[in-house]
Amino acid sequence: VVPTWASDPPRLPCGLCVDAIYSHDKEQQGVNCPQEVFCCLEEQLDGLAQGVPQAYILEARATNIRKFQQAMAHLLAHPRQRPQQQQVVGRPLWELSGP
């Protein structure tokens, strides 16, 4: 199911950040398309995040507990203190800490 707004997208108050973890099953022909849902989430949350810290949008297959735990760990930092998502995702957490 591709997420949509029931009405016009809400406007976030200044300083409020919305993050998302998309947990999904393996793609099945004609049943679901995780990439399509992920792209829709990305588009909708980017539209909300005007003037606030960039939202993290992460995904993990429902059967991959380790990836889900890593996604949760990325969200522990305060949104104003963490780097852009493109600099973080795909790298082990121990590589992200400074000297």
PDB file of N, CA and C in Angstrom:
ATOM      1  N   VAL A   1       0.850  -1.174   0.000  1.00  0.00           N
ATOM      2  CA  VAL A   1       0.000   0.000   0.000  1.00  0.00           C
ATOM      3  C   VAL A   1       0.892   1.232   0.000  1.00  0.00           C
ATOM      4  N   VAL A   2       0.674   2.098  -0.948  1.00  0.00           N
ATOM      5  CA  VAL A   2       1.447   3.334  -1.040  1.00  0.00           C
ATOM      6  C   VAL A   2       0.784   4.373  -0.148  1.00  0.00           C
ATOM      7  N   PRO A   3       1.541   4.983   0.782  1.00  0.00           N
ATOM      8  CA  PRO A   3       0.946   5.962   1.690  1.00  0.00           C
ATOM      9  C   PRO A   3       0.565   7.255   0.971  1.00  0.00           C
ATOM     10  N   THR A   4      -0.560   7.819   1.362  1.00  0.00           N
ATOM     11  CA  THR A   4      -1.008   9.110   0.834  1.00  0.00           C
ATOM     12  C   THR A   4      -1.615   9.905   1.978  1.00  0.00           C
ATOM     13  N   TRP A   5      -1.691  11.218   1.800  1.00  0.00           N
ATOM     14  CA  TRP A   5      -2.341  12.081   2.783  1.00  0.00           C
ATOM     15  C   TRP A   5      -3.839  12.052   2.531  1.00  0.00           C
ATOM     16  N   ALA A   6      -4.634  12.064   3.598  1.00  0.00           N
ATOM     17  CA  ALA A   6      -6.087  12.098   3.467  1.00  0.00           C
ATOM     18  C   ALA A   6      -6.545  13.445   2.914  1.00  0.00           C
ATOM     19  N   SER A   7      -5.816  14.501   3.224  1.00  0.00           N
ATOM     20  CA  SER A   7      -6.118  15.839   2.709  1.00  0.00           C
ATOM     21  C   SER A   7      -4.795  16.498   2.357  1.00  0.00           C
ATOM     22  N   ASP A   8      -4.734  17.812   2.378  1.00  0.00           N
ATOM     23  CA  ASP A   8      -3.481  18.505   2.085  1.00  0.00           C
ATOM     24  C   ASP A   8      -2.415  18.090   3.093  1.00  0.00           C
ATOM     25  N   PRO A   9      -1.148  17.992   2.656  1.00  0.00           N
ATOM     26  CA  PRO A   9      -0.082  17.622   3.588  1.00  0.00           C
ATOM     27  C   PRO A   9       0.014  18.637   4.726  1.00  0.00           C
ATOM     28  N   PRO A  10       0.236  18.166   5.942  1.00  0.00           N
ATOM     29  CA  PRO A  10       0.352  19.095   7.071  1.00  0.00           C
ATOM     30  C   PRO A  10       1.647  19.891   6.993  1.00  0.00           C
ATOM     31  N   ARG A  11       1.671  21.021   7.666  1.00  0.00           N
ATOM     32  CA  ARG A  11       2.893  21.815   7.779  1.00  0.00           C
ATOM     33  C   ARG A  11       3.479  21.554   9.155  1.00  0.00           C
ATOM     34  N   LEU A  12       4.763  21.232   9.189  1.00  0.00           N
ATOM     35  CA  LEU A  12       5.412  20.950  10.464  1.00  0.00           C
ATOM     36  C   LEU A  12       5.782  22.244  11.169  1.00  0.00           C
ATOM     37  N   PRO A  13       5.599  22.301  12.482  1.00  0.00           N
ATOM     38  CA  PRO A  13       6.081  23.464  13.228  1.00  0.00           C
ATOM     39  C   PRO A  13       7.600  23.547  13.125  1.00  0.00           C
ATOM     40  N   CYS A  14       8.128  24.740  13.226  1.00  0.00           N
ATOM     41  CA  CYS A  14       9.576  24.943  13.136  1.00  0.00           C
ATOM     42  C   CYS A  14      10.280  24.104  14.205  1.00  0.00           C
ATOM     43  N   GLY A  15      11.281  23.359  13.796  1.00  0.00           N
ATOM     44  CA  GLY A  15      12.065  22.561  14.718  1.00  0.00           C
ATOM     45  C   GLY A  15      11.599  21.123  14.877  1.00  0.00           C
ATOM     46  N   LEU A  16      10.440  20.777  14.346  1.00  0.00           N
ATOM     47  CA  LEU A  16       9.945  19.405  14.454  1.00  0.00           C
ATOM     48  C   LEU A  16      10.473  18.584  13.282  1.00  0.00           C
ATOM     49  N   CYS A  17      11.019  17.431  13.584  1.00  0.00           N
ATOM     50  CA  CYS A  17      11.573  16.559  12.550  1.00  0.00           C
ATOM     51  C   CYS A  17      10.801  15.246  12.535  1.00  0.00           C
ATOM     52  N   VAL A  18      10.510  14.742  11.358  1.00  0.00           N
ATOM     53  CA  VAL A  18       9.810  13.469  11.208  1.00  0.00           C
ATOM     54  C   VAL A  18      10.751  12.487  10.514  1.00  0.00           C
ATOM     55  N   ASP A  19      11.025  11.370  11.167  1.00  0.00           N
ATOM     56  CA  ASP A  19      11.837  10.305  10.591  1.00  0.00           C
ATOM     57  C   ASP A  19      10.938   9.107  10.319  1.00  0.00           C
ATOM     58  N   ALA A  20      11.391   8.210   9.438  1.00  0.00           N
ATOM     59  CA  ALA A  20      10.589   7.023   9.128  1.00  0.00           C
ATOM     60  C   ALA A  20      11.497   5.816   8.935  1.00  0.00           C
ATOM     61  N   ILE A  21      11.052   4.689   9.458  1.00  0.00           N
ATOM     62  CA  ILE A  21      11.677   3.401   9.164  1.00  0.00           C
ATOM     63  C   ILE A  21      10.604   2.565   8.483  1.00  0.00           C
ATOM     64  N   TYR A  22      10.875   2.171   7.257  1.00  0.00           N
ATOM     65  CA  TYR A  22       9.928   1.374   6.479  1.00  0.00           C
ATOM     66  C   TYR A  22      10.333  -0.089   6.601  1.00  0.00           C
ATOM     67  N   SER A  23       9.541  -0.859   7.320  1.00  0.00           N
ATOM     68  CA  SER A  23       9.774  -2.289   7.491  1.00  0.00           C
ATOM     69  C   SER A  23       8.853  -3.034   6.525  1.00  0.00           C
ATOM     70  N   HIS A  24       9.425  -3.886   5.689  1.00  0.00           N
ATOM     71  CA  HIS A  24       8.639  -4.529   4.633  1.00  0.00           C
ATOM     72  C   HIS A  24       9.028  -5.988   4.463  1.00  0.00           C
ATOM     73  N   ASP A  25       8.152  -6.719   3.808  1.00  0.00           N
ATOM     74  CA  ASP A  25       8.432  -8.101   3.433  1.00  0.00           C
ATOM     75  C   ASP A  25       9.134  -8.110   2.082  1.00  0.00           C
ATOM     76  N   LYS A  26       9.649  -9.277   1.713  1.00  0.00           N
ATOM     77  CA  LYS A  26      10.284  -9.435   0.412  1.00  0.00           C
ATOM     78  C   LYS A  26       9.253  -9.171  -0.684  1.00  0.00           C
ATOM     79  N   GLU A  27       9.695  -8.532  -1.751  1.00  0.00           N
ATOM     80  CA  GLU A  27       8.789  -8.194  -2.850  1.00  0.00           C
ATOM     81  C   GLU A  27       8.189  -9.456  -3.456  1.00  0.00           C
ATOM     82  N   GLN A  28       6.878  -9.395  -3.707  1.00  0.00           N
ATOM     83  CA  GLN A  28       6.171 -10.479  -4.373  1.00  0.00           C
ATOM     84  C   GLN A  28       5.472  -9.907  -5.592  1.00  0.00           C
ATOM     85  N   GLN A  29       5.477 -10.667  -6.663  1.00  0.00           N
ATOM     86  CA  GLN A  29       4.875 -10.217  -7.917  1.00  0.00           C
ATOM     87  C   GLN A  29       3.415  -9.830  -7.710  1.00  0.00           C
ATOM     88  N   GLY A  30       3.066  -8.592  -8.010  1.00  0.00           N
ATOM     89  CA  GLY A  30       1.694  -8.126  -7.952  1.00  0.00           C
ATOM     90  C   GLY A  30       1.154  -7.830  -6.563  1.00  0.00           C
ATOM     91  N   VAL A  31       1.938  -8.089  -5.513  1.00  0.00           N
ATOM     92  CA  VAL A  31       1.443  -7.876  -4.150  1.00  0.00           C
ATOM     93  C   VAL A  31       1.977  -6.583  -3.561  1.00  0.00           C
ATOM     94  N   ASN A  32       3.277  -6.414  -3.605  1.00  0.00           N
ATOM     95  CA  ASN A  32       3.863  -5.195  -3.053  1.00  0.00           C
ATOM     96  C   ASN A  32       5.137  -4.838  -3.809  1.00  0.00           C
ATOM     97  N   CYS A  33       5.486  -3.600  -3.753  1.00  0.00           N
ATOM     98  CA  CYS A  33       6.717  -3.120  -4.373  1.00  0.00           C
ATOM     99  C   CYS A  33       7.399  -2.187  -3.372  1.00  0.00           C
ATOM    100  N   PRO A  34       8.321  -2.721  -2.545  1.00  0.00           N
ATOM    101  CA  PRO A  34       8.949  -1.910  -1.510  1.00  0.00           C
ATOM    102  C   PRO A  34       9.609  -0.637  -2.043  1.00  0.00           C
ATOM    103  N   GLN A  35      10.220  -0.697  -3.221  1.00  0.00           N
ATOM    104  CA  GLN A  35      10.890   0.491  -3.749  1.00  0.00           C
ATOM    105  C   GLN A  35       9.890   1.598  -4.056  1.00  0.00           C
ATOM    106  N   GLU A  36       8.735   1.238  -4.580  1.00  0.00           N
ATOM    107  CA  GLU A  36       7.702   2.230  -4.894  1.00  0.00           C
ATOM    108  C   GLU A  36       7.192   2.914  -3.620  1.00  0.00           C
ATOM    109  N   VAL A  37       6.956   2.128  -2.576  1.00  0.00           N
ATOM    110  CA  VAL A  37       6.483   2.689  -1.306  1.00  0.00           C
ATOM    111  C   VAL A  37       7.567   3.568  -0.689  1.00  0.00           C
ATOM    112  N   PHE A  38       8.833   3.111  -0.731  1.00  0.00           N
ATOM    113  CA  PHE A  38       9.938   3.885  -0.172  1.00  0.00           C
ATOM    114  C   PHE A  38      10.069   5.234  -0.881  1.00  0.00           C
ATOM    115  N   CYS A  39       9.996   5.235  -2.203  1.00  0.00           N
ATOM    116  CA  CYS A  39      10.097   6.489  -2.964  1.00  0.00           C
ATOM    117  C   CYS A  39       8.946   7.433  -2.626  1.00  0.00           C
ATOM    118  N   CYS A  40       7.761   6.889  -2.442  1.00  0.00           N
ATOM    119  CA  CYS A  40       6.607   7.706  -2.072  1.00  0.00           C
ATOM    120  C   CYS A  40       6.805   8.317  -0.687  1.00  0.00           C
ATOM    121  N   LEU A  41       7.283   7.517   0.269  1.00  0.00           N
ATOM    122  CA  LEU A  41       7.574   8.043   1.608  1.00  0.00           C
ATOM    123  C   LEU A  41       8.603   9.162   1.540  1.00  0.00           C
ATOM    124  N   GLU A  42       9.655   8.926   0.768  1.00  0.00           N
ATOM    125  CA  GLU A  42      10.717   9.914   0.623  1.00  0.00           C
ATOM    126  C   GLU A  42      10.171  11.227   0.069  1.00  0.00           C
ATOM    127  N   GLU A  43       9.356  11.142  -0.950  1.00  0.00           N
ATOM    128  CA  GLU A  43       8.779  12.333  -1.571  1.00  0.00           C
ATOM    129  C   GLU A  43       7.875  13.086  -0.592  1.00  0.00           C
ATOM    130  N   GLN A  44       7.029  12.359   0.122  1.00  0.00           N
ATOM    131  CA  GLN A  44       6.096  13.008   1.040  1.00  0.00           C
ATOM    132  C   GLN A  44       6.801  13.622   2.243  1.00  0.00           C
ATOM    133  N   LEU A  45       7.787  12.926   2.810  1.00  0.00           N
ATOM    134  CA  LEU A  45       8.480  13.477   3.969  1.00  0.00           C
ATOM    135  C   LEU A  45       9.393  14.628   3.588  1.00  0.00           C
ATOM    136  N   ASP A  46       9.981  14.586   2.400  1.00  0.00           N
ATOM    137  CA  ASP A  46      10.794  15.717   1.951  1.00  0.00           C
ATOM    138  C   ASP A  46       9.937  16.961   1.780  1.00  0.00           C
ATOM    139  N   GLY A  47       8.692  16.793   1.364  1.00  0.00           N
ATOM    140  CA  GLY A  47       7.783  17.922   1.234  1.00  0.00           C
ATOM    141  C   GLY A  47       7.437  18.539   2.573  1.00  0.00           C
ATOM    142  N   LEU A  48       7.435  17.733   3.630  1.00  0.00           N
ATOM    143  CA  LEU A  48       7.145  18.250   4.969  1.00  0.00           C
ATOM    144  C   LEU A  48       8.318  19.007   5.563  1.00  0.00           C
ATOM    145  N   ALA A  49       9.510  18.626   5.188  1.00  0.00           N
ATOM    146  CA  ALA A  49      10.709  19.082   5.881  1.00  0.00           C
ATOM    147  C   ALA A  49      11.262  20.396   5.344  1.00  0.00           C
ATOM    148  N   GLN A  50      10.422  21.343   5.053  1.00  0.00           N
ATOM    149  CA  GLN A  50      10.888  22.647   4.585  1.00  0.00           C
ATOM    150  C   GLN A  50      11.286  23.496   5.791  1.00  0.00           C
ATOM    151  N   GLY A  51      12.559  23.845   5.903  1.00  0.00           N
ATOM    152  CA  GLY A  51      13.024  24.702   6.981  1.00  0.00           C
ATOM    153  C   GLY A  51      13.286  23.989   8.297  1.00  0.00           C
ATOM    154  N   VAL A  52      13.250  22.668   8.308  1.00  0.00           N
ATOM    155  CA  VAL A  52      13.561  21.904   9.514  1.00  0.00           C
ATOM    156  C   VAL A  52      14.656  20.905   9.156  1.00  0.00           C
ATOM    157  N   PRO A  53      15.293  20.278  10.162  1.00  0.00           N
ATOM    158  CA  PRO A  53      16.340  19.301   9.833  1.00  0.00           C
ATOM    159  C   PRO A  53      15.806  18.214   8.909  1.00  0.00           C
ATOM    160  N   GLN A  54      16.676  17.765   8.019  1.00  0.00           N
ATOM    161  CA  GLN A  54      16.259  16.758   7.040  1.00  0.00           C
ATOM    162  C   GLN A  54      15.852  15.461   7.734  1.00  0.00           C
ATOM    163  N   ALA A  55      14.748  14.895   7.298  1.00  0.00           N
ATOM    164  CA  ALA A  55      14.252  13.638   7.858  1.00  0.00           C
ATOM    165  C   ALA A  55      15.119  12.474   7.387  1.00  0.00           C
ATOM    166  N   TYR A  56      15.309  11.501   8.259  1.00  0.00           N
ATOM    167  CA  TYR A  56      15.946  10.252   7.877  1.00  0.00           C
ATOM    168  C   TYR A  56      14.837   9.299   7.447  1.00  0.00           C
ATOM    169  N   ILE A  57      14.991   8.670   6.305  1.00  0.00           N
ATOM    170  CA  ILE A  57      14.038   7.683   5.816  1.00  0.00           C
ATOM    171  C   ILE A  57      14.836   6.407   5.575  1.00  0.00           C
ATOM    172  N   LEU A  58      14.624   5.422   6.419  1.00  0.00           N
ATOM    173  CA  LEU A  58      15.396   4.191   6.388  1.00  0.00           C
ATOM    174  C   LEU A  58      14.470   3.019   6.103  1.00  0.00           C
ATOM    175  N   GLU A  59      15.045   1.918   5.625  1.00  0.00           N
ATOM    176  CA  GLU A  59      14.234   0.735   5.347  1.00  0.00           C
ATOM    177  C   GLU A  59      14.954  -0.506   5.841  1.00  0.00           C
ATOM    178  N   ALA A  60      14.156  -1.519   6.155  1.00  0.00           N
ATOM    179  CA  ALA A  60      14.697  -2.809   6.564  1.00  0.00           C
ATOM    180  C   ALA A  60      13.651  -3.874   6.282  1.00  0.00           C
ATOM    181  N   ARG A  61      14.096  -4.999   5.755  1.00  0.00           N
ATOM    182  CA  ARG A  61      13.150  -6.106   5.569  1.00  0.00           C
ATOM    183  C   ARG A  61      12.715  -6.613   6.931  1.00  0.00           C
ATOM    184  N   ALA A  62      11.488  -7.033   7.030  1.00  0.00           N
ATOM    185  CA  ALA A  62      10.916  -7.468   8.308  1.00  0.00           C
ATOM    186  C   ALA A  62      11.705  -8.617   8.929  1.00  0.00           C
ATOM    187  N   THR A  63      12.376  -9.420   8.124  1.00  0.00           N
ATOM    188  CA  THR A  63      13.132 -10.562   8.638  1.00  0.00           C
ATOM    189  C   THR A  63      14.576 -10.221   8.973  1.00  0.00           C
ATOM    190  N   ASN A  64      15.028  -9.010   8.663  1.00  0.00           N
ATOM    191  CA  ASN A  64      16.414  -8.616   8.908  1.00  0.00           C
ATOM    192  C   ASN A  64      16.489  -7.751  10.170  1.00  0.00           C
ATOM    193  N   ILE A  65      16.554  -8.408  11.320  1.00  0.00           N
ATOM    194  CA  ILE A  65      16.544  -7.709  12.606  1.00  0.00           C
ATOM    195  C   ILE A  65      17.778  -6.827  12.761  1.00  0.00           C
ATOM    196  N   ARG A  66      18.921  -7.292  12.296  1.00  0.00           N
ATOM    197  CA  ARG A  66      20.154  -6.514  12.447  1.00  0.00           C
ATOM    198  C   ARG A  66      20.055  -5.177  11.704  1.00  0.00           C
ATOM    199  N   LYS A  67      19.530  -5.188  10.490  1.00  0.00           N
ATOM    200  CA  LYS A  67      19.390  -3.946   9.729  1.00  0.00           C
ATOM    201  C   LYS A  67      18.376  -3.014  10.400  1.00  0.00           C
ATOM    202  N   PHE A  68      17.313  -3.580  10.970  1.00  0.00           N
ATOM    203  CA  PHE A  68      16.330  -2.766  11.680  1.00  0.00           C
ATOM    204  C   PHE A  68      16.968  -2.111  12.904  1.00  0.00           C
ATOM    205  N   GLN A  69      17.777  -2.863  13.651  1.00  0.00           N
ATOM    206  CA  GLN A  69      18.455  -2.302  14.821  1.00  0.00           C
ATOM    207  C   GLN A  69      19.434  -1.207  14.415  1.00  0.00           C
ATOM    208  N   GLN A  70      20.127  -1.388  13.299  1.00  0.00           N
ATOM    209  CA  GLN A  70      21.047  -0.359  12.828  1.00  0.00           C
ATOM    210  C   GLN A  70      20.275   0.898  12.434  1.00  0.00           C
ATOM    211  N   ALA A  71      19.119   0.741  11.804  1.00  0.00           N
ATOM    212  CA  ALA A  71      18.290   1.895  11.447  1.00  0.00           C
ATOM    213  C   ALA A  71      17.849   2.640  12.698  1.00  0.00           C
ATOM    214  N   MET A  72      17.459   1.918  13.735  1.00  0.00           N
ATOM    215  CA  MET A  72      17.062   2.556  14.994  1.00  0.00           C
ATOM    216  C   MET A  72      18.240   3.311  15.612  1.00  0.00           C
ATOM    217  N   ALA A  73      19.440   2.748  15.520  1.00  0.00           N
ATOM    218  CA  ALA A  73      20.621   3.408  16.078  1.00  0.00           C
ATOM    219  C   ALA A  73      20.911   4.726  15.362  1.00  0.00           C
ATOM    220  N   HIS A  74      20.639   4.797  14.072  1.00  0.00           N
ATOM    221  CA  HIS A  74      20.845   6.045  13.333  1.00  0.00           C
ATOM    222  C   HIS A  74      19.935   7.152  13.843  1.00  0.00           C
ATOM    223  N   LEU A  75      18.801   6.795  14.403  1.00  0.00           N
ATOM    224  CA  LEU A  75      17.827   7.793  14.850  1.00  0.00           C
ATOM    225  C   LEU A  75      18.033   8.230  16.295  1.00  0.00           C
ATOM    226  N   LEU A  76      19.040   7.694  16.980  1.00  0.00           N
ATOM    227  CA  LEU A  76      19.266   8.063  18.377  1.00  0.00           C
ATOM    228  C   LEU A  76      19.739   9.501  18.544  1.00  0.00           C
ATOM    229  N   ALA A  77      20.508   9.995  17.616  1.00  0.00           N
ATOM    230  CA  ALA A  77      21.046  11.353  17.729  1.00  0.00           C
ATOM    231  C   ALA A  77      19.947  12.391  17.516  1.00  0.00           C
ATOM    232  N   HIS A  78      20.125  13.542  18.134  1.00  0.00           N
ATOM    233  CA  HIS A  78      19.189  14.656  17.939  1.00  0.00           C
ATOM    234  C   HIS A  78      19.263  15.088  16.474  1.00  0.00           C
ATOM    235  N   PRO A  79      18.123  15.363  15.830  1.00  0.00           N
ATOM    236  CA  PRO A  79      18.120  15.706  14.403  1.00  0.00           C
ATOM    237  C   PRO A  79      19.036  16.872  14.029  1.00  0.00           C
ATOM    238  N   ARG A  80      19.239  17.838  14.908  1.00  0.00           N
ATOM    239  CA  ARG A  80      20.110  18.974  14.586  1.00  0.00           C
ATOM    240  C   ARG A  80      21.592  18.652  14.774  1.00  0.00           C
ATOM    241  N   GLN A  81      21.912  17.495  15.363  1.00  0.00           N
ATOM    242  CA  GLN A  81      23.303  17.131  15.608  1.00  0.00           C
ATOM    243  C   GLN A  81      23.820  16.054  14.661  1.00  0.00           C
ATOM    244  N   ARG A  82      22.967  15.458  13.892  1.00  0.00           N
ATOM    245  CA  ARG A  82      23.410  14.364  13.038  1.00  0.00           C
ATOM    246  C   ARG A  82      23.693  14.859  11.617  1.00  0.00           C
ATOM    247  N   PRO A  83      24.593  14.154  10.907  1.00  0.00           N
ATOM    248  CA  PRO A  83      24.925  14.555   9.535  1.00  0.00           C
ATOM    249  C   PRO A  83      23.786  14.244   8.569  1.00  0.00           C
ATOM    250  N   GLN A  84      23.911  14.722   7.338  1.00  0.00           N
ATOM    251  CA  GLN A  84      22.934  14.414   6.298  1.00  0.00           C
ATOM    252  C   GLN A  84      22.871  12.900   6.108  1.00  0.00           C
ATOM    253  N   GLN A  85      21.715  12.374   5.756  1.00  0.00           N
ATOM    254  CA  GLN A  85      21.532  10.932   5.618  1.00  0.00           C
ATOM    255  C   GLN A  85      22.465  10.344   4.562  1.00  0.00           C
ATOM    256  N   GLN A  86      22.734  11.067   3.495  1.00  0.00           N
ATOM    257  CA  GLN A  86      23.595  10.543   2.430  1.00  0.00           C
ATOM    258  C   GLN A  86      25.007  10.270   2.945  1.00  0.00           C
ATOM    259  N   GLN A  87      25.451  10.972   3.990  1.00  0.00           N
ATOM    260  CA  GLN A  87      26.789  10.773   4.539  1.00  0.00           C
ATOM    261  C   GLN A  87      26.843   9.601   5.508  1.00  0.00           C
ATOM    262  N   VAL A  88      25.694   9.103   5.939  1.00  0.00           N
ATOM    263  CA  VAL A  88      25.641   8.113   7.007  1.00  0.00           C
ATOM    264  C   VAL A  88      25.263   6.727   6.517  1.00  0.00           C
ATOM    265  N   VAL A  89      24.172   6.617   5.798  1.00  0.00           N
ATOM    266  CA  VAL A  89      23.603   5.318   5.451  1.00  0.00           C
ATOM    267  C   VAL A  89      24.559   4.542   4.560  1.00  0.00           C
ATOM    268  N   GLY A  90      24.725   3.274   4.895  1.00  0.00           N
ATOM    269  CA  GLY A  90      25.606   2.405   4.125  1.00  0.00           C
ATOM    270  C   GLY A  90      26.997   2.289   4.710  1.00  0.00           C
ATOM    271  N   ARG A  91      27.273   3.031   5.773  1.00  0.00           N
ATOM    272  CA  ARG A  91      28.581   2.950   6.428  1.00  0.00           C
ATOM    273  C   ARG A  91      28.390   2.391   7.834  1.00  0.00           C
ATOM    274  N   PRO A  92      29.325   1.577   8.314  1.00  0.00           N
ATOM    275  CA  PRO A  92      29.226   1.077   9.685  1.00  0.00           C
ATOM    276  C   PRO A  92      29.264   2.236  10.684  1.00  0.00           C
ATOM    277  N   LEU A  93      28.548   2.093  11.780  1.00  0.00           N
ATOM    278  CA  LEU A  93      28.456   3.166  12.766  1.00  0.00           C
ATOM    279  C   LEU A  93      29.812   3.546  13.345  1.00  0.00           C
ATOM    280  N   TRP A  94      30.747   2.580  13.512  1.00  0.00           N
ATOM    281  CA  TRP A  94      32.036   2.909  14.106  1.00  0.00           C
ATOM    282  C   TRP A  94      32.882   3.789  13.198  1.00  0.00           C
ATOM    283  N   GLU A  95      32.603   3.824  11.904  1.00  0.00           N
ATOM    284  CA  GLU A  95      33.336   4.706  10.995  1.00  0.00           C
ATOM    285  C   GLU A  95      32.858   6.150  11.096  1.00  0.00           C
ATOM    286  N   LEU A  96      31.705   6.375  11.682  1.00  0.00           N
ATOM    287  CA  LEU A  96      31.124   7.710  11.730  1.00  0.00           C
ATOM    288  C   LEU A  96      31.633   8.541  12.888  1.00  0.00           C
ATOM    289  N   SER A  97      32.191   7.910  13.913  1.00  0.00           N
ATOM    290  CA  SER A  97      32.666   8.670  15.067  1.00  0.00           C
ATOM    291  C   SER A  97      33.964   9.377  14.715  1.00  0.00           C
ATOM    292  N   GLY A  98      34.135  10.537  15.275  1.00  0.00           N
ATOM    293  CA  GLY A  98      35.328  11.348  15.008  1.00  0.00           C
ATOM    294  C   GLY A  98      36.552  10.784  15.690  1.00  0.00           C
ATOM    295  N   PRO A  99      37.726  11.413  15.485  1.00  0.00           N
ATOM    296  CA  PRO A  99      38.973  10.913  16.086  1.00  0.00           C
ATOM    297  C   PRO A  99      38.989  11.055  17.586  1.00  0.00           C
TER     298      PRO A  99
END
